[in-house]
């Protein structure tokens, strides 16, 4: 699994997650909700066991486990649960070149108004 990737879902469930972003093997997993708010977790990924453990930074006693499948480099399925809710997430890799900061670059000063 690419551990520095953004995965997104189809918006078909109003209670679902829009994206999950992994930044390092043991660092941060940010889950973006459909209302564009984020929930951050400390993530531990075990490639051998194909498992993912999430922990809340503010609650050291809270953790949850997922298993994952990666049928190809651009697809990811997570199975597990969060707060007594069973979750099965199918994710599609999001092309980094589509992020505005990557495609356009950072601009301290703009000569023209730019609104994405």
PDB file of N, CA and C in Angstrom:
ATOM      1  N   UNK A   1       0.848  -1.169   0.000  1.00  0.00           N
ATOM      2  CA  UNK A   1       0.000   0.000   0.000  1.00  0.00           C
ATOM      3  C   UNK A   1       0.890   1.228   0.000  1.00  0.00           C
ATOM      4  N   UNK A   2       0.583   2.186  -0.833  1.00  0.00           N
ATOM      5  CA  UNK A   2       1.278   3.461  -0.835  1.00  0.00           C
ATOM      6  C   UNK A   2       0.880   4.170   0.446  1.00  0.00           C
ATOM      7  N   UNK A   3       1.815   4.399   1.350  1.00  0.00           N
ATOM      8  CA  UNK A   3       1.477   4.963   2.653  1.00  0.00           C
ATOM      9  C   UNK A   3       1.519   6.483   2.653  1.00  0.00           C
ATOM     10  N   UNK A   4       1.645   7.088   1.521  1.00  0.00           N
ATOM     11  CA  UNK A   4       1.569   8.532   1.416  1.00  0.00           C
ATOM     12  C   UNK A   4       0.608   8.835   0.280  1.00  0.00           C
ATOM     13  N   UNK A   5      -0.647   8.521   0.511  1.00  0.00           N
ATOM     14  CA  UNK A   5      -1.620   8.601  -0.571  1.00  0.00           C
ATOM     15  C   UNK A   5      -2.947   9.125  -0.073  1.00  0.00           C
ATOM     16  N   UNK A   6      -3.718   9.642  -0.978  1.00  0.00           N
ATOM     17  CA  UNK A   6      -5.073  10.076  -0.673  1.00  0.00           C
ATOM     18  C   UNK A   6      -6.030   9.151  -1.390  1.00  0.00           C
ATOM     19  N   UNK A   7      -6.957   8.601  -0.670  1.00  0.00           N
ATOM     20  CA  UNK A   7      -7.949   7.692  -1.228  1.00  0.00           C
ATOM     21  C   UNK A   7      -9.292   8.366  -1.104  1.00  0.00           C
ATOM     22  N   UNK A   8     -10.127   8.247  -2.125  1.00  0.00           N
ATOM     23  CA  UNK A   8     -11.438   8.878  -2.057  1.00  0.00           C
ATOM     24  C   UNK A   8     -12.519   7.864  -2.360  1.00  0.00           C
ATOM     25  N   UNK A   9     -13.737   8.199  -1.954  1.00  0.00           N
ATOM     26  CA  UNK A   9     -14.858   7.307  -2.181  1.00  0.00           C
ATOM     27  C   UNK A   9     -15.912   8.004  -3.016  1.00  0.00           C
ATOM     28  N   UNK A  10     -16.798   7.216  -3.566  1.00  0.00           N
ATOM     29  CA  UNK A  10     -17.949   7.783  -4.243  1.00  0.00           C
ATOM     30  C   UNK A  10     -18.894   8.333  -3.188  1.00  0.00           C
ATOM     31  N   UNK A  11     -19.518   9.443  -3.496  1.00  0.00           N
ATOM     32  CA  UNK A  11     -20.410  10.063  -2.520  1.00  0.00           C
ATOM     33  C   UNK A  11     -21.802   9.470  -2.716  1.00  0.00           C
ATOM     34  N   UNK A  12     -22.032   8.334  -2.049  1.00  0.00           N
ATOM     35  CA  UNK A  12     -23.330   7.678  -2.153  1.00  0.00           C
ATOM     36  C   UNK A  12     -23.972   7.503  -0.789  1.00  0.00           C
ATOM     37  N   UNK A  13     -23.231   7.701   0.280  1.00  0.00           N
ATOM     38  CA  UNK A  13     -23.733   7.497   1.634  1.00  0.00           C
ATOM     39  C   UNK A  13     -23.523   8.785   2.416  1.00  0.00           C
ATOM     40  N   UNK A  14     -24.616   9.382   2.876  1.00  0.00           N
ATOM     41  CA  UNK A  14     -24.499  10.667   3.577  1.00  0.00           C
ATOM     42  C   UNK A  14     -23.744  10.546   4.890  1.00  0.00           C
ATOM     43  N   UNK A  15     -23.621   9.327   5.437  1.00  0.00           N
ATOM     44  CA  UNK A  15     -22.877   9.124   6.675  1.00  0.00           C
ATOM     45  C   UNK A  15     -21.458   8.650   6.421  1.00  0.00           C
ATOM     46  N   UNK A  16     -21.033   8.594   5.193  1.00  0.00           N
ATOM     47  CA  UNK A  16     -19.750   8.004   4.850  1.00  0.00           C
ATOM     48  C   UNK A  16     -18.584   8.970   4.928  1.00  0.00           C
ATOM     49  N   UNK A  17     -17.449   8.453   4.532  1.00  0.00           N
ATOM     50  CA  UNK A  17     -16.215   9.218   4.498  1.00  0.00           C
ATOM     51  C   UNK A  17     -15.937   9.608   3.053  1.00  0.00           C
ATOM     52  N   UNK A  18     -15.491  10.813   2.852  1.00  0.00           N
ATOM     53  CA  UNK A  18     -15.134  11.270   1.506  1.00  0.00           C
ATOM     54  C   UNK A  18     -13.750  10.752   1.107  1.00  0.00           C
ATOM     55  N   UNK A  19     -12.789  10.881   2.014  1.00  0.00           N
ATOM     56  CA  UNK A  19     -11.415  10.486   1.707  1.00  0.00           C
ATOM     57  C   UNK A  19     -10.742   9.935   2.951  1.00  0.00           C
ATOM     58  N   UNK A  20      -9.705   9.160   2.722  1.00  0.00           N
ATOM     59  CA  UNK A  20      -8.783   8.794   3.790  1.00  0.00           C
ATOM     60  C   UNK A  20      -7.384   9.069   3.253  1.00  0.00           C
ATOM     61  N   UNK A  21      -6.575   9.737   4.059  1.00  0.00           N
ATOM     62  CA  UNK A  21      -5.244  10.154   3.629  1.00  0.00           C
ATOM     63  C   UNK A  21      -4.216   9.553   4.590  1.00  0.00           C
ATOM     64  N   UNK A  22      -3.308   8.751   4.039  1.00  0.00           N
ATOM     65  CA  UNK A  22      -2.211   8.173   4.818  1.00  0.00           C
ATOM     66  C   UNK A  22      -0.950   8.928   4.457  1.00  0.00           C
ATOM     67  N   UNK A  23      -0.176   9.331   5.484  1.00  0.00           N
ATOM     68  CA  UNK A  23       1.016  10.113   5.206  1.00  0.00           C
ATOM     69  C   UNK A  23       2.314   9.365   5.447  1.00  0.00           C
ATOM     70  N   UNK A  24       2.386   8.474   6.400  1.00  0.00           N
ATOM     71  CA  UNK A  24       3.575   7.673   6.669  1.00  0.00           C
ATOM     72  C   UNK A  24       3.140   6.358   7.287  1.00  0.00           C
ATOM     73  N   UNK A  25       4.052   5.384   7.372  1.00  0.00           N
ATOM     74  CA  UNK A  25       3.691   4.072   7.938  1.00  0.00           C
ATOM     75  C   UNK A  25       3.192   4.165   9.380  1.00  0.00           C
ATOM     76  N   UNK A  26       3.757   4.994  10.181  1.00  0.00           N
ATOM     77  CA  UNK A  26       3.239   5.191  11.545  1.00  0.00           C
ATOM     78  C   UNK A  26       3.171   6.687  11.790  1.00  0.00           C
ATOM     79  N   UNK A  27       2.105   7.267  11.383  1.00  0.00           N
ATOM     80  CA  UNK A  27       1.965   8.691  11.561  1.00  0.00           C
ATOM     81  C   UNK A  27       0.509   9.080  11.651  1.00  0.00           C
ATOM     82  N   UNK A  28      -0.064   9.440  10.546  1.00  0.00           N
ATOM     83  CA  UNK A  28      -1.386  10.023  10.576  1.00  0.00           C
ATOM     84  C   UNK A  28      -2.271   9.439   9.489  1.00  0.00           C
ATOM     85  N   UNK A  29      -3.484   9.143   9.861  1.00  0.00           N
ATOM     86  CA  UNK A  29      -4.524   8.812   8.893  1.00  0.00           C
ATOM     87  C   UNK A  29      -5.618   9.842   9.119  1.00  0.00           C
ATOM     88  N   UNK A  30      -5.894  10.618   8.125  1.00  0.00           N
ATOM     89  CA  UNK A  30      -6.933  11.639   8.215  1.00  0.00           C
ATOM     90  C   UNK A  30      -8.133  11.169   7.409  1.00  0.00           C
ATOM     91  N   UNK A  31      -9.272  11.067   8.065  1.00  0.00           N
ATOM     92  CA  UNK A  31     -10.510  10.686   7.404  1.00  0.00           C
ATOM     93  C   UNK A  31     -11.328  11.953   7.187  1.00  0.00           C
ATOM     94  N   UNK A  32     -11.655  12.246   5.945  1.00  0.00           N
ATOM     95  CA  UNK A  32     -12.457  13.419   5.625  1.00  0.00           C
ATOM     96  C   UNK A  32     -13.909  12.992   5.487  1.00  0.00           C
ATOM     97  N   UNK A  33     -14.775  13.619   6.261  1.00  0.00           N
ATOM     98  CA  UNK A  33     -16.200  13.323   6.203  1.00  0.00           C
ATOM     99  C   UNK A  33     -16.829  14.015   4.996  1.00  0.00           C
ATOM    100  N   UNK A  34     -18.068  13.657   4.709  1.00  0.00           N
ATOM    101  CA  UNK A  34     -18.770  14.260   3.577  1.00  0.00           C
ATOM    102  C   UNK A  34     -19.048  15.747   3.793  1.00  0.00           C
ATOM    103  N   UNK A  35     -19.047  16.203   5.054  1.00  0.00           N
ATOM    104  CA  UNK A  35     -19.220  17.637   5.308  1.00  0.00           C
ATOM    105  C   UNK A  35     -17.877  18.378   5.297  1.00  0.00           C
ATOM    106  N   UNK A  36     -16.827  17.694   4.837  1.00  0.00           N
ATOM    107  CA  UNK A  36     -15.470  18.225   4.680  1.00  0.00           C
ATOM    108  C   UNK A  36     -14.719  18.445   5.989  1.00  0.00           C
ATOM    109  N   UNK A  37     -15.238  17.974   7.120  1.00  0.00           N
ATOM    110  CA  UNK A  37     -14.470  18.002   8.357  1.00  0.00           C
ATOM    111  C   UNK A  37     -13.539  16.791   8.375  1.00  0.00           C
ATOM    112  N   UNK A  38     -12.499  16.860   9.188  1.00  0.00           N
ATOM    113  CA  UNK A  38     -11.511  15.791   9.265  1.00  0.00           C
ATOM    114  C   UNK A  38     -11.484  15.177  10.656  1.00  0.00           C
ATOM    115  N   UNK A  39     -11.210  13.885  10.709  1.00  0.00           N
ATOM    116  CA  UNK A  39     -10.957  13.169  11.947  1.00  0.00           C
ATOM    117  C   UNK A  39      -9.572  12.551  11.782  1.00  0.00           C
ATOM    118  N   UNK A  40      -8.671  12.868  12.694  1.00  0.00           N
ATOM    119  CA  UNK A  40      -7.292  12.385  12.600  1.00  0.00           C
ATOM    120  C   UNK A  40      -7.038  11.241  13.569  1.00  0.00           C
ATOM    121  N   UNK A  41      -6.299  10.261  13.091  1.00  0.00           N
ATOM    122  CA  UNK A  41      -5.916   9.100  13.880  1.00  0.00           C
ATOM    123  C   UNK A  41      -4.424   8.863  13.710  1.00  0.00           C
ATOM    124  N   UNK A  42      -3.825   8.238  14.715  1.00  0.00           N
ATOM    125  CA  UNK A  42      -2.477   7.703  14.570  1.00  0.00           C
ATOM    126  C   UNK A  42      -2.664   6.337  13.923  1.00  0.00           C
ATOM    127  N   UNK A  43      -1.975   6.079  12.828  1.00  0.00           N
ATOM    128  CA  UNK A  43      -2.142   4.830  12.085  1.00  0.00           C
ATOM    129  C   UNK A  43      -0.877   3.990  12.155  1.00  0.00           C
ATOM    130  N   UNK A  44      -1.064   2.695  12.364  1.00  0.00           N
ATOM    131  CA  UNK A  44       0.025   1.734  12.290  1.00  0.00           C
ATOM    132  C   UNK A  44      -0.367   0.708  11.233  1.00  0.00           C
ATOM    133  N   UNK A  45       0.448   0.579  10.205  1.00  0.00           N
ATOM    134  CA  UNK A  45       0.154  -0.314   9.090  1.00  0.00           C
ATOM    135  C   UNK A  45       1.119  -1.495   9.137  1.00  0.00           C
ATOM    136  N   UNK A  46       0.568  -2.700   9.079  1.00  0.00           N
ATOM    137  CA  UNK A  46       1.370  -3.908   9.035  1.00  0.00           C
ATOM    138  C   UNK A  46       1.147  -4.558   7.678  1.00  0.00           C
ATOM    139  N   UNK A  47       2.120  -4.415   6.786  1.00  0.00           N
ATOM    140  CA  UNK A  47       1.986  -4.920   5.421  1.00  0.00           C
ATOM    141  C   UNK A  47       1.959  -6.448   5.384  1.00  0.00           C
ATOM    142  N   UNK A  48       2.678  -7.111   6.285  1.00  0.00           N
ATOM    143  CA  UNK A  48       2.729  -8.574   6.308  1.00  0.00           C
ATOM    144  C   UNK A  48       1.365  -9.161   6.663  1.00  0.00           C
ATOM    145  N   UNK A  49       0.746  -8.615   7.704  1.00  0.00           N
ATOM    146  CA  UNK A  49      -0.550  -9.117   8.153  1.00  0.00           C
ATOM    147  C   UNK A  49      -1.720  -8.433   7.441  1.00  0.00           C
ATOM    148  N   UNK A  50      -1.411  -7.446   6.612  1.00  0.00           N
ATOM    149  CA  UNK A  50      -2.435  -6.651   5.920  1.00  0.00           C
ATOM    150  C   UNK A  50      -3.447  -6.108   6.920  1.00  0.00           C
ATOM    151  N   UNK A  51      -2.883  -5.417   7.935  1.00  0.00           N
ATOM    152  CA  UNK A  51      -3.731  -4.846   8.972  1.00  0.00           C
ATOM    153  C   UNK A  51      -3.389  -3.375   9.196  1.00  0.00           C
ATOM    154  N   UNK A  52      -4.373  -2.663   9.698  1.00  0.00           N
ATOM    155  CA  UNK A  52      -4.259  -1.244   9.997  1.00  0.00           C
ATOM    156  C   UNK A  52      -4.853  -1.030  11.374  1.00  0.00           C
ATOM    157  N   UNK A  53      -4.099  -0.407  12.271  1.00  0.00           N
ATOM    158  CA  UNK A  53      -4.602  -0.066  13.599  1.00  0.00           C
ATOM    159  C   UNK A  53      -4.678   1.451  13.684  1.00  0.00           C
ATOM    160  N   UNK A  54      -5.831   1.944  14.124  1.00  0.00           N
ATOM    161  CA  UNK A  54      -6.025   3.376  14.313  1.00  0.00           C
ATOM    162  C   UNK A  54      -6.146   3.669  15.793  1.00  0.00           C
ATOM    163  N   UNK A  55      -5.543   4.770  16.237  1.00  0.00           N
ATOM    164  CA  UNK A  55      -5.640   5.216  17.622  1.00  0.00           C
ATOM    165  C   UNK A  55      -5.945   6.705  17.616  1.00  0.00           C
ATOM    166  N   UNK A  56      -6.673   7.146  18.626  1.00  0.00           N
ATOM    167  CA  UNK A  56      -6.986   8.570  18.753  1.00  0.00           C
ATOM    168  C   UNK A  56      -5.865   9.250  19.530  1.00  0.00           C
ATOM    169  N   UNK A  57      -5.308  10.330  19.001  1.00  0.00           N
ATOM    170  CA  UNK A  57      -4.218  11.013  19.703  1.00  0.00           C
ATOM    171  C   UNK A  57      -4.612  11.500  21.098  1.00  0.00           C
ATOM    172  N   UNK A  58      -5.863  11.921  21.285  1.00  0.00           N
ATOM    173  CA  UNK A  58      -6.288  12.486  22.567  1.00  0.00           C
ATOM    174  C   UNK A  58      -6.798  11.441  23.552  1.00  0.00           C
ATOM    175  N   UNK A  59      -6.990  10.200  23.102  1.00  0.00           N
ATOM    176  CA  UNK A  59      -7.521   9.145  23.974  1.00  0.00           C
ATOM    177  C   UNK A  59      -6.647   7.911  23.822  1.00  0.00           C
ATOM    178  N   UNK A  60      -5.660   7.776  24.694  1.00  0.00           N
ATOM    179  CA  UNK A  60      -4.672   6.700  24.591  1.00  0.00           C
ATOM    180  C   UNK A  60      -5.271   5.303  24.741  1.00  0.00           C
ATOM    181  N   UNK A  61      -6.458   5.189  25.328  1.00  0.00           N
ATOM    182  CA  UNK A  61      -7.063   3.870  25.513  1.00  0.00           C
ATOM    183  C   UNK A  61      -7.906   3.433  24.310  1.00  0.00           C
ATOM    184  N   UNK A  62      -8.172   4.332  23.364  1.00  0.00           N
ATOM    185  CA  UNK A  62      -9.021   4.013  22.216  1.00  0.00           C
ATOM    186  C   UNK A  62      -8.174   3.517  21.050  1.00  0.00           C
ATOM    187  N   UNK A  63      -8.610   2.410  20.441  1.00  0.00           N
ATOM    188  CA  UNK A  63      -7.982   1.941  19.209  1.00  0.00           C
ATOM    189  C   UNK A  63      -8.968   1.040  18.491  1.00  0.00           C
ATOM    190  N   UNK A  64      -8.747   0.870  17.212  1.00  0.00           N
ATOM    191  CA  UNK A  64      -9.564  -0.026  16.410  1.00  0.00           C
ATOM    192  C   UNK A  64      -8.681  -0.652  15.342  1.00  0.00           C
ATOM    193  N   UNK A  65      -9.078  -1.822  14.883  1.00  0.00           N
ATOM    194  CA  UNK A  65      -8.287  -2.558  13.901  1.00  0.00           C
ATOM    195  C   UNK A  65      -9.074  -2.786  12.620  1.00  0.00           C
ATOM    196  N   UNK A  66      -8.372  -2.720  11.510  1.00  0.00           N
ATOM    197  CA  UNK A  66      -8.919  -3.014  10.197  1.00  0.00           C
ATOM    198  C   UNK A  66      -8.014  -4.027   9.512  1.00  0.00           C
ATOM    199  N   UNK A  67      -8.580  -4.780   8.617  1.00  0.00           N
ATOM    200  CA  UNK A  67      -7.782  -5.540   7.662  1.00  0.00           C
ATOM    201  C   UNK A  67      -7.941  -4.819   6.334  1.00  0.00           C
ATOM    202  N   UNK A  68      -6.985  -5.031   5.439  1.00  0.00           N
ATOM    203  CA  UNK A  68      -7.119  -4.383   4.138  1.00  0.00           C
ATOM    204  C   UNK A  68      -6.732  -5.326   3.024  1.00  0.00           C
ATOM    205  N   UNK A  69      -7.285  -5.042   1.870  1.00  0.00           N
ATOM    206  CA  UNK A  69      -6.935  -5.721   0.630  1.00  0.00           C
ATOM    207  C   UNK A  69      -6.561  -4.639  -0.365  1.00  0.00           C
ATOM    208  N   UNK A  70      -5.583  -4.935  -1.180  1.00  0.00           N
ATOM    209  CA  UNK A  70      -5.184  -4.006  -2.224  1.00  0.00           C
ATOM    210  C   UNK A  70      -5.043  -4.804  -3.519  1.00  0.00           C
ATOM    211  N   UNK A  71      -6.177  -4.974  -4.254  1.00  0.00           N
ATOM    212  CA  UNK A  71      -6.148  -5.802  -5.459  1.00  0.00           C
ATOM    213  C   UNK A  71      -5.233  -5.262  -6.557  1.00  0.00           C
ATOM    214  N   UNK A  72      -5.028  -3.949  -6.570  1.00  0.00           N
ATOM    215  CA  UNK A  72      -4.047  -3.351  -7.473  1.00  0.00           C
ATOM    216  C   UNK A  72      -3.563  -2.056  -6.847  1.00  0.00           C
ATOM    217  N   UNK A  73      -2.635  -1.387  -7.503  1.00  0.00           N
ATOM    218  CA  UNK A  73      -1.988  -0.205  -6.929  1.00  0.00           C
ATOM    219  C   UNK A  73      -2.938   0.966  -6.717  1.00  0.00           C
ATOM    220  N   UNK A  74      -4.113   0.938  -7.331  1.00  0.00           N
ATOM    221  CA  UNK A  74      -5.029   2.072  -7.235  1.00  0.00           C
ATOM    222  C   UNK A  74      -6.309   1.780  -6.467  1.00  0.00           C
ATOM    223  N   UNK A  75      -6.420   0.599  -5.891  1.00  0.00           N
ATOM    224  CA  UNK A  75      -7.639   0.241  -5.150  1.00  0.00           C
ATOM    225  C   UNK A  75      -7.273  -0.246  -3.761  1.00  0.00           C
ATOM    226  N   UNK A  76      -8.140   0.080  -2.802  1.00  0.00           N
ATOM    227  CA  UNK A  76      -7.927  -0.297  -1.417  1.00  0.00           C
ATOM    228  C   UNK A  76      -9.282  -0.593  -0.789  1.00  0.00           C
ATOM    229  N   UNK A  77      -9.383  -1.705  -0.058  1.00  0.00           N
ATOM    230  CA  UNK A  77     -10.583  -2.047   0.702  1.00  0.00           C
ATOM    231  C   UNK A  77     -10.189  -2.232   2.158  1.00  0.00           C
ATOM    232  N   UNK A  78     -10.884  -1.536   3.040  1.00  0.00           N
ATOM    233  CA  UNK A  78     -10.659  -1.646   4.476  1.00  0.00           C
ATOM    234  C   UNK A  78     -11.874  -2.283   5.119  1.00  0.00           C
ATOM    235  N   UNK A  79     -11.653  -3.257   6.004  1.00  0.00           N
ATOM    236  CA  UNK A  79     -12.717  -3.914   6.767  1.00  0.00           C
ATOM    237  C   UNK A  79     -12.414  -3.789   8.244  1.00  0.00           C
ATOM    238  N   UNK A  80     -13.398  -3.331   9.008  1.00  0.00           N
ATOM    239  CA  UNK A  80     -13.215  -3.219  10.449  1.00  0.00           C
ATOM    240  C   UNK A  80     -14.391  -2.511  11.069  1.00  0.00           C
ATOM    241  N   UNK A  81     -14.123  -1.726  12.066  1.00  0.00           N
ATOM    242  CA  UNK A  81     -15.189  -0.994  12.716  1.00  0.00           C
ATOM    243  C   UNK A  81     -14.662   0.185  13.498  1.00  0.00           C
ATOM    244  N   UNK A  82     -15.527   1.177  13.684  1.00  0.00           N
ATOM    245  CA  UNK A  82     -15.205   2.342  14.501  1.00  0.00           C
ATOM    246  C   UNK A  82     -16.404   2.614  15.399  1.00  0.00           C
ATOM    247  N   UNK A  83     -16.156   2.682  16.699  1.00  0.00           N
ATOM    248  CA  UNK A  83     -17.194   3.002  17.688  1.00  0.00           C
ATOM    249  C   UNK A  83     -18.454   2.163  17.503  1.00  0.00           C
ATOM    250  N   UNK A  84     -18.283   0.861  17.437  1.00  0.00           N
ATOM    251  CA  UNK A  84     -19.374  -0.122  17.349  1.00  0.00           C
ATOM    252  C   UNK A  84     -20.130  -0.086  16.014  1.00  0.00           C
ATOM    253  N   UNK A  85     -19.531   0.478  14.994  1.00  0.00           N
ATOM    254  CA  UNK A  85     -20.119   0.488  13.651  1.00  0.00           C
ATOM    255  C   UNK A  85     -19.213  -0.312  12.720  1.00  0.00           C
ATOM    256  N   UNK A  86     -19.776  -1.353  12.112  1.00  0.00           N
ATOM    257  CA  UNK A  86     -19.003  -2.133  11.134  1.00  0.00           C
ATOM    258  C   UNK A  86     -18.791  -1.280   9.890  1.00  0.00           C
ATOM    259  N   UNK A  87     -17.572  -1.327   9.378  1.00  0.00           N
ATOM    260  CA  UNK A  87     -17.226  -0.492   8.224  1.00  0.00           C
ATOM    261  C   UNK A  87     -16.495  -1.339   7.190  1.00  0.00           C
ATOM    262  N   UNK A  88     -16.924  -1.205   5.959  1.00  0.00           N
ATOM    263  CA  UNK A  88     -16.202  -1.762   4.812  1.00  0.00           C
ATOM    264  C   UNK A  88     -16.074  -0.616   3.815  1.00  0.00           C
ATOM    265  N   UNK A  89     -14.852  -0.172   3.610  1.00  0.00           N
ATOM    266  CA  UNK A  89     -14.588   0.966   2.731  1.00  0.00           C
ATOM    267  C   UNK A  89     -13.871   0.505   1.477  1.00  0.00           C
ATOM    268  N   UNK A  90     -14.380   0.920   0.338  1.00  0.00           N
ATOM    269  CA  UNK A  90     -13.700   0.702  -0.935  1.00  0.00           C
ATOM    270  C   UNK A  90     -13.161   2.058  -1.367  1.00  0.00           C
ATOM    271  N   UNK A  91     -11.882   2.135  -1.620  1.00  0.00           N
ATOM    272  CA  UNK A  91     -11.251   3.407  -1.976  1.00  0.00           C
ATOM    273  C   UNK A  91     -10.526   3.298  -3.300  1.00  0.00           C
ATOM    274  N   UNK A  92     -10.468   4.431  -3.996  1.00  0.00           N
ATOM    275  CA  UNK A  92      -9.777   4.564  -5.273  1.00  0.00           C
ATOM    276  C   UNK A  92      -8.681   5.600  -5.080  1.00  0.00           C
ATOM    277  N   UNK A  93      -7.467   5.311  -5.520  1.00  0.00           N
ATOM    278  CA  UNK A  93      -6.356   6.246  -5.374  1.00  0.00           C
ATOM    279  C   UNK A  93      -6.660   7.537  -6.122  1.00  0.00           C
ATOM    280  N   UNK A  94      -6.401   8.650  -5.472  1.00  0.00           N
ATOM    281  CA  UNK A  94      -6.614   9.976  -6.051  1.00  0.00           C
ATOM    282  C   UNK A  94      -5.288  10.451  -6.626  1.00  0.00           C
ATOM    283  N   UNK A  95      -5.296  10.860  -7.871  1.00  0.00           N
ATOM    284  CA  UNK A  95      -4.083  11.313  -8.544  1.00  0.00           C
ATOM    285  C   UNK A  95      -3.565  12.598  -7.887  1.00  0.00           C
ATOM    286  N   UNK A  96      -2.361  12.548  -7.333  1.00  0.00           N
ATOM    287  CA  UNK A  96      -1.781  13.710  -6.650  1.00  0.00           C
ATOM    288  C   UNK A  96      -1.677  14.930  -7.542  1.00  0.00           C
ATOM    289  N   UNK A  97      -1.514  14.722  -8.820  1.00  0.00           N
ATOM    290  CA  UNK A  97      -1.389  15.854  -9.744  1.00  0.00           C
ATOM    291  C   UNK A  97      -2.669  16.683  -9.796  1.00  0.00           C
ATOM    292  N   UNK A  98      -3.770  16.121  -9.315  1.00  0.00           N
ATOM    293  CA  UNK A  98      -5.041  16.845  -9.313  1.00  0.00           C
ATOM    294  C   UNK A  98      -5.183  17.775  -8.109  1.00  0.00           C
ATOM    295  N   UNK A  99      -4.299  17.653  -7.102  1.00  0.00           N
ATOM    296  CA  UNK A  99      -4.333  18.590  -5.989  1.00  0.00           C
ATOM    297  C   UNK A  99      -3.867  19.951  -6.495  1.00  0.00           C
ATOM    298  N   UNK A 100      -4.618  20.978  -6.136  1.00  0.00           N
ATOM    299  CA  UNK A 100      -4.336  22.319  -6.637  1.00  0.00           C
ATOM    300  C   UNK A 100      -2.926  22.796  -6.285  1.00  0.00           C
ATOM    301  N   UNK A 101      -2.467  22.534  -5.085  1.00  0.00           N
ATOM    302  CA  UNK A 101      -1.135  22.980  -4.690  1.00  0.00           C
ATOM    303  C   UNK A 101      -0.051  22.308  -5.520  1.00  0.00           C
ATOM    304  N   UNK A 102      -0.279  21.061  -5.923  1.00  0.00           N
ATOM    305  CA  UNK A 102       0.691  20.346  -6.752  1.00  0.00           C
ATOM    306  C   UNK A 102       0.603  20.810  -8.204  1.00  0.00           C
ATOM    307  N   UNK A 103      -0.612  20.916  -8.730  1.00  0.00           N
ATOM    308  CA  UNK A 103      -0.775  21.257 -10.150  1.00  0.00           C
ATOM    309  C   UNK A 103      -0.468  22.728 -10.444  1.00  0.00           C
ATOM    310  N   UNK A 104      -0.783  23.612  -9.524  1.00  0.00           N
ATOM    311  CA  UNK A 104      -0.596  25.034  -9.762  1.00  0.00           C
ATOM    312  C   UNK A 104       0.648  25.571  -9.077  1.00  0.00           C
ATOM    313  N   UNK A 105       1.018  24.958  -7.967  1.00  0.00           N
ATOM    314  CA  UNK A 105       2.151  25.451  -7.197  1.00  0.00           C
ATOM    315  C   UNK A 105       1.714  26.525  -6.222  1.00  0.00           C
ATOM    316  N   UNK A 106       2.583  26.802  -5.265  1.00  0.00           N
ATOM    317  CA  UNK A 106       2.276  27.802  -4.250  1.00  0.00           C
ATOM    318  C   UNK A 106       2.589  29.192  -4.789  1.00  0.00           C
ATOM    319  N   UNK A 107       1.701  30.135  -4.533  1.00  0.00           N
ATOM    320  CA  UNK A 107       1.867  31.514  -5.008  1.00  0.00           C
ATOM    321  C   UNK A 107       1.744  32.476  -3.822  1.00  0.00           C
ATOM    322  N   UNK A 108       2.840  33.133  -3.445  1.00  0.00           N
ATOM    323  CA  UNK A 108       2.742  34.151  -2.394  1.00  0.00           C
ATOM    324  C   UNK A 108       1.957  35.348  -2.888  1.00  0.00           C
ATOM    325  N   UNK A 109       2.251  35.765  -4.110  1.00  0.00           N
ATOM    326  CA  UNK A 109       1.587  36.933  -4.684  1.00  0.00           C
ATOM    327  C   UNK A 109       0.963  36.510  -6.001  1.00  0.00           C
ATOM    328  N   UNK A 110      -0.278  36.905  -6.205  1.00  0.00           N
ATOM    329  CA  UNK A 110      -0.974  36.581  -7.448  1.00  0.00           C
ATOM    330  C   UNK A 110      -1.223  37.868  -8.218  1.00  0.00           C
ATOM    331  N   UNK A 111      -0.918  37.840  -9.479  1.00  0.00           N
ATOM    332  CA  UNK A 111      -1.209  38.997 -10.312  1.00  0.00           C
ATOM    333  C   UNK A 111      -2.686  39.054 -10.663  1.00  0.00           C
ATOM    334  N   UNK A 112      -3.330  37.905 -10.726  1.00  0.00           N
ATOM    335  CA  UNK A 112      -4.739  37.818 -11.102  1.00  0.00           C
ATOM    336  C   UNK A 112      -5.497  37.000 -10.061  1.00  0.00           C
ATOM    337  N   UNK A 113      -6.771  37.296  -9.874  1.00  0.00           N
ATOM    338  CA  UNK A 113      -7.617  36.554  -8.967  1.00  0.00           C
ATOM    339  C   UNK A 113      -7.751  35.113  -9.437  1.00  0.00           C
ATOM    340  N   UNK A 114      -7.586  34.179  -8.512  1.00  0.00           N
ATOM    341  CA  UNK A 114      -7.693  32.747  -8.841  1.00  0.00           C
ATOM    342  C   UNK A 114      -8.580  32.077  -7.814  1.00  0.00           C
ATOM    343  N   UNK A 115      -9.657  31.444  -8.283  1.00  0.00           N
ATOM    344  CA  UNK A 115     -10.586  30.762  -7.382  1.00  0.00           C
ATOM    345  C   UNK A 115     -10.762  29.298  -7.721  1.00  0.00           C
ATOM    346  N   UNK A 116      -9.662  28.595  -8.018  1.00  0.00           N
ATOM    347  CA  UNK A 116      -9.688  27.160  -8.218  1.00  0.00           C
ATOM    348  C   UNK A 116     -10.305  26.738  -9.470  1.00  0.00           C
TER     349      UNK A 116
END
